[in-house]
C-alpha cells in the first residue's frame, strides 16, 4: 500500500536533495559559453563527484574529446577522436562555439591561437576539452570559473612570438635589430 505524501513536503524534500547540485551548476554557468542547459547536461552526464576521475585528463578521455595517438614506424595513421559520451560531446562542442565568440576571453584566444595550425573543427574540439577540464576543477574544488585572459598566449609564448615576427620581417626584406625594453 502506498503512503500519501503531501506535494509541498515532496517538493521540499526534492529541493533539499538538489541543493548541492544547484550550487555546482551555478559555478559552471560562470564559464563563457555555458548556459543553464549546458550546466545541467554536464552535471547529468558526469555528476558532481569528481573522485571517479583521478585527473582532468581522465575525464576528457572518458568523454571522447582527446585525439588518438595512432602512430607506427613514424607514420601517423588516425587522429580521429574516439567515441565517448555523445550527449556530453555534442553539448560541449556547441558550448565551445558560443565561448569562442566571447570577446577578450581565454577560450577565444585559444581558438585563434590554434585555428591556423589545426583548422576550425579540430580546434573547437580542443576548446571543448579545455572547457571540460576547467569544469572538472570547478566541480572538484567548488569554485567559479577564473578566466586566464586573452593575453595568456602572448605572455606565455613571448620569446617565441618575437622570434617569429623577426623572422617574418627578415623574409619581407627588412633588417631588424631587437632590443628589449626595460
N, C-alpha and C. Protein backbone atom coordinates (compact mmCIF):
# COMPACT_ATOMS: atom_id res chain seq x y z
N UNK A 1 0.83 -1.18 0.00
CA UNK A 1 0.00 0.00 0.00
C UNK A 1 0.88 1.25 0.00
N UNK A 2 0.53 2.21 -0.81
CA UNK A 2 1.31 3.44 -0.92
C UNK A 2 0.96 4.41 0.19
N UNK A 3 2.00 5.09 0.67
CA UNK A 3 1.75 6.13 1.66
C UNK A 3 1.58 7.45 0.92
N UNK A 4 0.68 8.25 1.37
CA UNK A 4 0.42 9.53 0.73
C UNK A 4 1.30 10.60 1.35
N UNK A 5 2.03 11.27 0.47
CA UNK A 5 2.91 12.36 0.90
C UNK A 5 2.35 13.65 0.32
N UNK A 6 2.32 14.65 1.13
CA UNK A 6 1.81 15.94 0.69
C UNK A 6 2.73 16.51 -0.39
N UNK A 7 2.17 17.12 -1.44
CA UNK A 7 3.00 17.67 -2.52
C UNK A 7 4.01 18.71 -2.02
N UNK A 8 3.64 19.50 -1.06
CA UNK A 8 4.57 20.51 -0.54
C UNK A 8 5.76 19.85 0.16
N UNK A 9 5.49 18.78 0.89
CA UNK A 9 6.58 18.07 1.57
C UNK A 9 7.50 17.40 0.56
N UNK A 10 6.93 16.86 -0.51
CA UNK A 10 7.72 16.23 -1.55
C UNK A 10 8.60 17.27 -2.26
N UNK A 11 8.03 18.42 -2.57
CA UNK A 11 8.80 19.50 -3.19
C UNK A 11 9.94 19.94 -2.30
N UNK A 12 9.69 20.05 -1.01
CA UNK A 12 10.73 20.46 -0.07
C UNK A 12 11.84 19.42 0.00
N UNK A 13 11.48 18.15 0.00
CA UNK A 13 12.48 17.08 0.07
C UNK A 13 13.33 17.05 -1.19
N UNK A 14 12.71 17.21 -2.35
CA UNK A 14 13.45 17.21 -3.61
C UNK A 14 14.35 18.45 -3.68
N UNK A 15 13.82 19.60 -3.26
CA UNK A 15 14.62 20.82 -3.25
C UNK A 15 15.83 20.71 -2.35
N UNK A 16 15.66 20.07 -1.21
CA UNK A 16 16.78 19.88 -0.27
C UNK A 16 17.81 18.93 -0.85
N UNK A 17 17.35 17.87 -1.54
CA UNK A 17 18.27 16.90 -2.12
C UNK A 17 19.04 17.49 -3.31
N UNK A 18 18.42 18.43 -4.03
CA UNK A 18 19.06 19.00 -5.21
C UNK A 18 19.89 20.25 -4.92
N UNK A 19 19.93 20.71 -3.70
CA UNK A 19 20.67 21.93 -3.35
C UNK A 19 22.16 21.86 -3.71
N UNK A 20 22.88 20.75 -3.41
CA UNK A 20 24.29 20.71 -3.80
C UNK A 20 24.49 20.73 -5.31
N UNK A 21 23.58 20.11 -6.04
CA UNK A 21 23.69 20.09 -7.49
C UNK A 21 23.44 21.48 -8.06
N UNK A 22 22.48 22.20 -7.51
CA UNK A 22 22.22 23.57 -7.95
C UNK A 22 23.44 24.46 -7.72
N UNK A 23 24.10 24.27 -6.60
CA UNK A 23 25.30 25.07 -6.30
C UNK A 23 26.38 24.80 -7.34
N UNK A 24 26.57 23.54 -7.71
CA UNK A 24 27.59 23.20 -8.71
C UNK A 24 27.25 23.78 -10.08
N UNK A 25 25.96 23.76 -10.45
CA UNK A 25 25.59 24.34 -11.75
C UNK A 25 25.78 25.85 -11.76
N UNK A 26 25.64 26.51 -10.61
CA UNK A 26 25.91 27.95 -10.55
C UNK A 26 27.38 28.23 -10.83
N UNK A 27 28.27 27.35 -10.37
CA UNK A 27 29.70 27.52 -10.68
C UNK A 27 29.96 27.33 -12.17
N UNK A 28 29.33 26.34 -12.77
CA UNK A 28 29.57 26.05 -14.18
C UNK A 28 29.08 27.17 -15.09
N UNK A 29 28.02 27.85 -14.71
CA UNK A 29 27.45 28.91 -15.54
C UNK A 29 28.38 30.12 -15.63
N UNK A 30 29.35 30.22 -14.72
CA UNK A 30 30.28 31.35 -14.76
C UNK A 30 31.26 31.26 -15.92
N UNK A 31 31.36 30.10 -16.57
CA UNK A 31 32.26 29.92 -17.71
C UNK A 31 31.61 30.47 -18.98
N UNK A 32 32.36 31.16 -19.84
CA UNK A 32 31.78 31.66 -21.09
C UNK A 32 31.26 30.49 -21.94
N UNK A 33 30.09 30.68 -22.54
CA UNK A 33 29.51 29.66 -23.40
C UNK A 33 28.65 28.64 -22.69
N UNK A 34 28.67 28.63 -21.37
CA UNK A 34 27.91 27.63 -20.61
C UNK A 34 26.63 28.27 -20.11
N UNK A 35 25.51 27.77 -20.60
CA UNK A 35 24.20 28.24 -20.15
C UNK A 35 23.68 27.29 -19.08
N UNK A 36 22.49 27.57 -18.59
CA UNK A 36 21.88 26.68 -17.60
C UNK A 36 21.70 25.28 -18.18
N UNK A 37 21.26 25.19 -19.44
CA UNK A 37 21.03 23.90 -20.08
C UNK A 37 22.33 23.12 -20.19
N UNK A 38 23.40 23.78 -20.61
CA UNK A 38 24.70 23.11 -20.73
C UNK A 38 25.18 22.65 -19.37
N UNK A 39 25.02 23.48 -18.36
CA UNK A 39 25.44 23.11 -17.00
C UNK A 39 24.67 21.89 -16.52
N UNK A 40 23.36 21.84 -16.81
CA UNK A 40 22.55 20.70 -16.39
C UNK A 40 22.98 19.42 -17.13
N UNK A 41 23.31 19.55 -18.41
CA UNK A 41 23.78 18.38 -19.16
C UNK A 41 25.11 17.89 -18.61
N UNK A 42 26.02 18.83 -18.31
CA UNK A 42 27.31 18.45 -17.72
C UNK A 42 27.13 17.69 -16.41
N UNK A 43 26.30 18.22 -15.55
CA UNK A 43 26.08 17.58 -14.25
C UNK A 43 25.37 16.24 -14.43
N UNK A 44 24.44 16.17 -15.36
CA UNK A 44 23.72 14.91 -15.59
C UNK A 44 24.64 13.83 -16.16
N UNK A 45 25.57 14.23 -17.02
CA UNK A 45 26.45 13.24 -17.66
C UNK A 45 27.62 12.82 -16.78
N UNK A 46 28.26 13.78 -16.09
CA UNK A 46 29.46 13.41 -15.33
C UNK A 46 29.24 13.42 -13.83
N UNK A 47 28.14 14.01 -13.37
CA UNK A 47 27.88 14.06 -11.93
C UNK A 47 28.63 15.20 -11.28
N UNK A 48 28.54 15.28 -9.97
CA UNK A 48 29.24 16.33 -9.24
C UNK A 48 30.39 15.77 -8.41
N UNK A 49 30.49 14.45 -8.32
CA UNK A 49 31.56 13.81 -7.56
C UNK A 49 32.71 13.49 -8.51
N UNK A 50 33.78 14.26 -8.42
CA UNK A 50 34.90 14.10 -9.33
C UNK A 50 35.93 13.07 -8.86
N UNK A 51 35.65 12.35 -7.78
CA UNK A 51 36.59 11.33 -7.33
C UNK A 51 36.62 10.13 -8.26
N UNK A 52 35.62 10.02 -9.16
CA UNK A 52 35.62 8.92 -10.13
C UNK A 52 36.76 9.06 -11.13
N UNK A 53 37.19 10.30 -11.36
CA UNK A 53 38.24 10.57 -12.34
C UNK A 53 39.48 11.07 -11.59
N UNK A 54 40.60 10.33 -11.68
CA UNK A 54 41.81 10.77 -10.96
C UNK A 54 42.31 12.14 -11.40
N UNK A 55 42.22 12.44 -12.70
CA UNK A 55 42.67 13.74 -13.21
C UNK A 55 41.67 14.25 -14.23
N UNK A 56 41.86 15.50 -14.63
CA UNK A 56 41.01 16.07 -15.67
C UNK A 56 41.22 15.36 -17.00
N UNK A 57 42.44 14.89 -17.25
CA UNK A 57 42.72 14.18 -18.50
C UNK A 57 41.92 12.88 -18.59
N UNK A 58 41.70 12.22 -17.47
CA UNK A 58 40.88 11.01 -17.47
C UNK A 58 39.44 11.33 -17.86
N UNK A 59 38.93 12.44 -17.36
CA UNK A 59 37.57 12.86 -17.70
C UNK A 59 37.47 13.21 -19.18
N UNK A 60 38.45 13.93 -19.70
CA UNK A 60 38.45 14.32 -21.10
C UNK A 60 38.53 13.09 -21.99
N UNK A 61 39.33 12.12 -21.61
CA UNK A 61 39.43 10.88 -22.37
C UNK A 61 38.13 10.10 -22.31
N UNK A 62 37.51 10.03 -21.14
CA UNK A 62 36.24 9.32 -20.99
C UNK A 62 35.16 9.95 -21.87
N UNK A 63 35.18 11.28 -21.97
CA UNK A 63 34.18 11.98 -22.78
C UNK A 63 34.46 11.82 -24.27
N UNK A 64 35.65 11.37 -24.63
CA UNK A 64 35.98 11.17 -26.04
C UNK A 64 36.39 12.46 -26.73
N UNK A 65 36.99 13.38 -26.00
CA UNK A 65 37.40 14.65 -26.58
C UNK A 65 38.89 14.75 -26.85
N UNK A 66 39.64 13.69 -26.61
CA UNK A 66 41.07 13.75 -26.90
C UNK A 66 41.36 12.92 -28.16
N UNK A 67 42.23 13.42 -29.04
CA UNK A 67 42.52 12.68 -30.27
C UNK A 67 43.37 11.44 -29.98
N UNK A 68 43.19 10.45 -30.83
CA UNK A 68 44.00 9.24 -30.69
C UNK A 68 45.43 9.53 -31.11
N UNK A 69 46.33 8.75 -30.61
CA UNK A 69 47.73 8.86 -30.98
C UNK A 69 48.11 7.56 -31.69
N UNK A 70 47.63 7.40 -32.91
CA UNK A 70 47.83 6.17 -33.67
C UNK A 70 49.00 6.38 -34.62
N UNK A 71 50.17 5.90 -34.20
CA UNK A 71 51.37 6.10 -34.99
C UNK A 71 52.17 4.81 -34.99
N UNK A 72 52.70 4.47 -36.16
CA UNK A 72 53.52 3.28 -36.27
C UNK A 72 54.61 3.54 -37.29
N UNK A 73 55.84 3.23 -36.94
CA UNK A 73 57.01 3.41 -37.80
C UNK A 73 57.12 4.85 -38.30
N UNK A 74 56.78 5.80 -37.45
CA UNK A 74 56.90 7.19 -37.81
C UNK A 74 55.78 7.72 -38.67
N UNK A 75 54.81 6.88 -39.00
CA UNK A 75 53.69 7.32 -39.82
C UNK A 75 52.47 7.53 -38.93
N UNK A 76 51.85 8.68 -39.08
CA UNK A 76 50.62 8.96 -38.35
C UNK A 76 49.47 8.36 -39.13
N UNK A 77 48.65 7.59 -38.43
CA UNK A 77 47.53 6.98 -39.13
C UNK A 77 46.24 7.74 -38.84
N UNK A 78 45.67 7.58 -37.69
CA UNK A 78 44.39 8.20 -37.42
C UNK A 78 44.48 9.09 -36.19
N UNK A 79 43.91 10.28 -36.32
CA UNK A 79 43.83 11.17 -35.16
C UNK A 79 42.38 11.50 -34.84
N UNK A 80 41.48 10.69 -35.37
CA UNK A 80 40.06 10.91 -35.07
C UNK A 80 39.82 10.77 -33.57
N UNK A 81 38.87 11.54 -33.09
CA UNK A 81 38.53 11.39 -31.68
C UNK A 81 37.72 10.11 -31.52
N UNK A 82 37.89 9.49 -30.39
CA UNK A 82 37.20 8.22 -30.19
C UNK A 82 35.77 8.47 -29.73
N UNK A 83 34.91 7.48 -29.91
CA UNK A 83 33.54 7.68 -29.44
C UNK A 83 33.51 7.78 -27.92
N UNK A 84 32.74 8.69 -27.44
CA UNK A 84 32.62 8.88 -26.00
C UNK A 84 31.17 9.10 -25.64
N UNK A 85 30.93 9.93 -24.67
CA UNK A 85 29.58 10.26 -24.26
C UNK A 85 28.97 11.20 -25.31
N UNK A 86 28.05 10.72 -26.15
CA UNK A 86 27.58 11.55 -27.27
C UNK A 86 26.83 12.81 -26.85
N UNK A 87 26.03 12.74 -25.81
CA UNK A 87 25.32 13.94 -25.37
C UNK A 87 26.30 14.97 -24.83
N UNK A 88 27.25 14.50 -24.07
CA UNK A 88 28.22 15.41 -23.47
C UNK A 88 29.10 16.06 -24.54
N UNK A 89 29.60 15.27 -25.47
CA UNK A 89 30.48 15.79 -26.50
C UNK A 89 29.75 16.82 -27.38
N UNK A 90 28.54 16.50 -27.79
CA UNK A 90 27.78 17.41 -28.63
C UNK A 90 27.47 18.72 -27.89
N UNK A 91 27.10 18.60 -26.65
CA UNK A 91 26.78 19.79 -25.86
C UNK A 91 28.02 20.65 -25.65
N UNK A 92 29.16 20.03 -25.37
CA UNK A 92 30.39 20.80 -25.15
C UNK A 92 30.87 21.48 -26.42
N UNK A 93 30.73 20.82 -27.55
CA UNK A 93 31.15 21.44 -28.81
C UNK A 93 30.26 22.65 -29.11
N UNK A 94 28.97 22.52 -28.87
CA UNK A 94 28.06 23.65 -29.07
C UNK A 94 28.41 24.79 -28.11
N UNK A 95 28.70 24.46 -26.87
CA UNK A 95 29.09 25.49 -25.90
C UNK A 95 30.43 26.12 -26.28
N UNK A 96 31.33 25.33 -26.86
CA UNK A 96 32.63 25.87 -27.27
C UNK A 96 32.47 26.88 -28.39
N UNK A 97 31.55 26.60 -29.33
CA UNK A 97 31.30 27.58 -30.40
C UNK A 97 30.79 28.89 -29.82
N UNK A 98 29.95 28.80 -28.79
CA UNK A 98 29.46 30.02 -28.14
C UNK A 98 30.58 30.71 -27.37
N UNK A 99 31.45 29.93 -26.74
CA UNK A 99 32.52 30.50 -25.91
C UNK A 99 33.55 31.24 -26.74
N UNK A 100 33.85 30.75 -27.95
CA UNK A 100 34.89 31.41 -28.75
C UNK A 100 34.39 32.73 -29.33
N UNK A 101 33.12 33.00 -29.20
CA UNK A 101 32.57 34.28 -29.64
C UNK A 101 32.56 35.32 -28.52
N UNK A 102 33.00 34.93 -27.33
CA UNK A 102 33.09 35.86 -26.20
C UNK A 102 34.38 36.65 -26.33
N UNK A 103 34.26 37.94 -26.45
CA UNK A 103 35.42 38.81 -26.67
C UNK A 103 36.34 38.82 -25.45
N UNK A 104 37.64 38.90 -25.72
CA UNK A 104 38.68 39.02 -24.70
C UNK A 104 38.62 37.91 -23.66
N UNK A 105 38.38 36.69 -24.10
CA UNK A 105 38.38 35.55 -23.17
C UNK A 105 39.52 34.61 -23.55
N UNK A 106 39.91 33.81 -22.61
CA UNK A 106 40.97 32.83 -22.84
C UNK A 106 40.55 31.82 -23.89
N UNK A 107 39.29 31.43 -23.88
CA UNK A 107 38.83 30.42 -24.83
C UNK A 107 38.85 30.95 -26.26
N UNK A 108 38.52 32.22 -26.46
CA UNK A 108 38.62 32.81 -27.79
C UNK A 108 40.08 32.90 -28.22
N UNK A 109 40.96 33.28 -27.30
CA UNK A 109 42.39 33.38 -27.61
C UNK A 109 42.95 32.00 -27.96
N UNK A 110 42.51 30.96 -27.27
CA UNK A 110 42.96 29.61 -27.57
C UNK A 110 42.50 29.19 -28.97
N UNK A 111 41.27 29.53 -29.30
CA UNK A 111 40.74 29.20 -30.62
C UNK A 111 41.54 29.87 -31.72
N UNK A 112 41.80 31.16 -31.57
CA UNK A 112 42.56 31.91 -32.57
C UNK A 112 43.99 31.39 -32.66
N UNK A 113 44.56 31.06 -31.53
CA UNK A 113 45.94 30.57 -31.46
C UNK A 113 46.12 29.25 -32.20
N UNK A 114 45.16 28.34 -32.07
CA UNK A 114 45.29 27.01 -32.66
C UNK A 114 44.67 26.86 -34.05
N UNK A 115 43.77 27.74 -34.41
CA UNK A 115 43.00 27.57 -35.64
C UNK A 115 43.87 27.55 -36.89
N UNK A 116 44.90 28.35 -36.94
CA UNK A 116 45.74 28.42 -38.13
C UNK A 116 46.47 27.10 -38.39
N UNK A 117 46.82 26.40 -37.32
CA UNK A 117 47.56 25.15 -37.49
C UNK A 117 46.65 23.94 -37.65
N UNK A 118 45.54 23.90 -36.94
CA UNK A 118 44.72 22.70 -36.90
C UNK A 118 43.45 22.77 -37.73
N UNK A 119 42.95 23.96 -37.99
CA UNK A 119 41.66 24.11 -38.63
C UNK A 119 40.59 24.31 -37.56
N UNK A 120 39.44 24.80 -37.99
CA UNK A 120 38.40 25.19 -37.04
C UNK A 120 37.79 24.01 -36.30
N UNK A 121 37.54 22.91 -37.00
CA UNK A 121 36.84 21.79 -36.37
C UNK A 121 37.70 21.09 -35.32
N UNK A 122 38.97 20.87 -35.61
CA UNK A 122 39.85 20.25 -34.62
C UNK A 122 40.08 21.20 -33.45
N UNK A 123 40.18 22.50 -33.75
CA UNK A 123 40.41 23.47 -32.71
C UNK A 123 39.22 23.58 -31.77
N UNK A 124 38.01 23.47 -32.31
CA UNK A 124 36.84 23.59 -31.45
C UNK A 124 36.77 22.40 -30.50
N UNK A 125 37.26 21.23 -30.92
CA UNK A 125 37.34 20.09 -30.01
C UNK A 125 38.34 20.35 -28.89
N UNK A 126 39.45 21.04 -29.23
CA UNK A 126 40.43 21.39 -28.20
C UNK A 126 39.84 22.38 -27.20
N UNK A 127 39.06 23.33 -27.68
CA UNK A 127 38.41 24.29 -26.79
C UNK A 127 37.39 23.58 -25.90
N UNK A 128 36.63 22.65 -26.50
CA UNK A 128 35.65 21.88 -25.71
C UNK A 128 36.36 21.05 -24.64
N UNK A 129 37.51 20.49 -24.98
CA UNK A 129 38.28 19.72 -24.00
C UNK A 129 38.78 20.63 -22.88
N UNK A 130 39.20 21.85 -23.23
CA UNK A 130 39.63 22.80 -22.21
C UNK A 130 38.48 23.18 -21.29
N UNK A 131 37.31 23.34 -21.87
CA UNK A 131 36.14 23.68 -21.07
C UNK A 131 35.79 22.53 -20.12
N UNK A 132 35.91 21.28 -20.60
CA UNK A 132 35.62 20.14 -19.74
C UNK A 132 36.67 20.02 -18.64
N UNK A 133 37.93 20.31 -18.97
CA UNK A 133 38.98 20.30 -17.95
C UNK A 133 38.74 21.35 -16.89
N UNK A 134 38.33 22.54 -17.31
CA UNK A 134 38.01 23.60 -16.35
C UNK A 134 36.80 23.20 -15.50
N UNK A 135 35.83 22.54 -16.13
CA UNK A 135 34.64 22.08 -15.39
C UNK A 135 35.03 21.06 -14.33
N UNK A 136 35.99 20.22 -14.65
CA UNK A 136 36.47 19.22 -13.68
C UNK A 136 36.97 19.91 -12.42
N UNK A 137 37.83 20.91 -12.60
CA UNK A 137 38.39 21.61 -11.44
C UNK A 137 37.35 22.43 -10.70
N UNK A 138 36.41 23.01 -11.45
CA UNK A 138 35.35 23.78 -10.80
C UNK A 138 34.47 22.89 -9.94
N UNK A 139 34.13 21.71 -10.46
CA UNK A 139 33.28 20.79 -9.70
C UNK A 139 34.05 20.14 -8.54
N UNK A 140 35.33 19.84 -8.78
CA UNK A 140 36.13 19.20 -7.73
C UNK A 140 36.38 20.14 -6.56
N UNK A 141 36.73 21.40 -6.87
CA UNK A 141 37.11 22.35 -5.83
C UNK A 141 35.96 23.24 -5.37
N UNK A 142 34.85 23.25 -6.11
CA UNK A 142 33.71 24.08 -5.74
C UNK A 142 34.00 25.57 -5.89
N UNK A 143 34.62 25.94 -7.01
CA UNK A 143 34.97 27.34 -7.25
C UNK A 143 34.39 27.79 -8.59
N UNK A 144 34.13 29.10 -8.76
CA UNK A 144 33.66 29.58 -10.06
C UNK A 144 34.80 29.64 -11.07
N UNK A 145 34.46 29.88 -12.32
CA UNK A 145 35.44 29.94 -13.41
C UNK A 145 36.32 31.16 -13.27
N UNK A 146 37.59 30.97 -13.49
CA UNK A 146 38.56 32.07 -13.46
C UNK A 146 39.23 32.11 -14.83
N UNK A 147 38.96 33.16 -15.58
CA UNK A 147 39.48 33.28 -16.95
C UNK A 147 40.94 33.69 -16.91
N UNK A 148 41.76 33.05 -17.73
CA UNK A 148 43.18 33.38 -17.79
C UNK A 148 43.43 34.64 -18.61
N UNK A 149 42.45 35.07 -19.38
CA UNK A 149 42.56 36.30 -20.15
C UNK A 149 43.01 36.06 -21.57
N UNK A 150 42.72 37.01 -22.42
CA UNK A 150 43.04 36.90 -23.84
C UNK A 150 44.54 37.00 -24.08
N UNK A 151 45.26 37.62 -23.17
CA UNK A 151 46.70 37.82 -23.34
C UNK A 151 47.53 36.63 -22.84
N UNK A 152 46.89 35.56 -22.43
CA UNK A 152 47.60 34.42 -21.86
C UNK A 152 48.64 33.85 -22.83
N UNK A 153 48.27 33.65 -24.07
CA UNK A 153 49.19 33.05 -25.04
C UNK A 153 50.29 34.01 -25.43
N UNK A 154 50.00 35.30 -25.42
CA UNK A 154 51.04 36.29 -25.73
C UNK A 154 52.08 36.30 -24.62
N UNK A 155 51.62 36.28 -23.37
CA UNK A 155 52.56 36.26 -22.24
C UNK A 155 53.33 34.95 -22.22
N UNK A 156 52.65 33.86 -22.50
CA UNK A 156 53.24 32.53 -22.39
C UNK A 156 54.32 32.30 -23.45
N UNK A 157 54.08 32.76 -24.65
CA UNK A 157 54.99 32.50 -25.77
C UNK A 157 55.70 33.76 -26.25
N UNK A 158 56.07 34.63 -25.33
CA UNK A 158 56.62 35.93 -25.71
C UNK A 158 57.90 35.79 -26.54
N UNK A 159 58.85 35.00 -26.10
CA UNK A 159 60.11 34.84 -26.84
C UNK A 159 59.87 34.18 -28.20
N UNK A 160 58.98 33.23 -28.23
CA UNK A 160 58.65 32.55 -29.48
C UNK A 160 58.00 33.52 -30.47
N UNK A 161 57.11 34.36 -29.98
CA UNK A 161 56.45 35.35 -30.83
C UNK A 161 57.45 36.36 -31.38
N UNK A 162 58.39 36.79 -30.55
CA UNK A 162 59.40 37.74 -31.00
C UNK A 162 60.23 37.12 -32.12
N UNK A 163 60.64 35.89 -31.95
CA UNK A 163 61.43 35.20 -32.97
C UNK A 163 60.67 35.06 -34.28
N UNK A 164 59.39 34.70 -34.19
CA UNK A 164 58.57 34.53 -35.40
C UNK A 164 58.40 35.86 -36.14
N UNK A 165 58.16 36.93 -35.38
CA UNK A 165 57.96 38.24 -36.00
C UNK A 165 59.25 38.77 -36.63
N UNK A 166 60.39 38.56 -35.97
CA UNK A 166 61.67 38.98 -36.53
C UNK A 166 61.96 38.21 -37.81
N UNK A 167 61.72 36.91 -37.79
CA UNK A 167 61.94 36.07 -38.97
C UNK A 167 61.03 36.51 -40.13
N UNK A 168 59.80 36.85 -39.81
CA UNK A 168 58.87 37.28 -40.85
C UNK A 168 59.29 38.62 -41.46
N UNK A 169 59.75 39.54 -40.61
CA UNK A 169 60.23 40.83 -41.12
C UNK A 169 61.46 40.63 -42.01
N UNK A 170 62.34 39.74 -41.63
CA UNK A 170 63.52 39.46 -42.46
C UNK A 170 63.12 38.84 -43.79
N UNK A 171 62.11 37.98 -43.77
CA UNK A 171 61.61 37.38 -45.01
C UNK A 171 60.99 38.44 -45.93
N UNK A 172 60.45 39.49 -45.34
CA UNK A 172 59.85 40.57 -46.13
C UNK A 172 60.90 41.58 -46.60
N UNK A 173 62.17 41.37 -46.22
CA UNK A 173 63.24 42.23 -46.70
C UNK A 173 63.63 43.34 -45.76
N UNK A 174 63.22 43.27 -44.52
CA UNK A 174 63.59 44.30 -43.55
C UNK A 174 64.74 43.78 -42.69
N UNK A 175 65.60 44.72 -42.29
CA UNK A 175 66.67 44.36 -41.37
C UNK A 175 66.22 44.78 -39.97
N UNK A 176 66.31 43.86 -39.03
CA UNK A 176 65.74 44.10 -37.71
C UNK A 176 66.82 43.94 -36.65
N UNK A 177 66.87 44.90 -35.72
CA UNK A 177 67.73 44.80 -34.56
C UNK A 177 66.82 44.82 -33.34
N UNK A 178 66.81 43.74 -32.59
CA UNK A 178 65.89 43.61 -31.47
C UNK A 178 66.57 44.08 -30.19
N UNK A 179 65.94 45.04 -29.53
CA UNK A 179 66.39 45.47 -28.21
C UNK A 179 65.16 45.41 -27.30
N UNK A 180 65.34 44.85 -26.15
CA UNK A 180 64.24 44.68 -25.21
C UNK A 180 64.07 45.93 -24.36
N UNK A 181 62.83 46.30 -24.16
CA UNK A 181 62.52 47.47 -23.34
C UNK A 181 62.76 47.15 -21.87
N UNK A 182 63.09 48.17 -21.11
CA UNK A 182 63.39 47.98 -19.69
C UNK A 182 62.12 47.74 -18.91
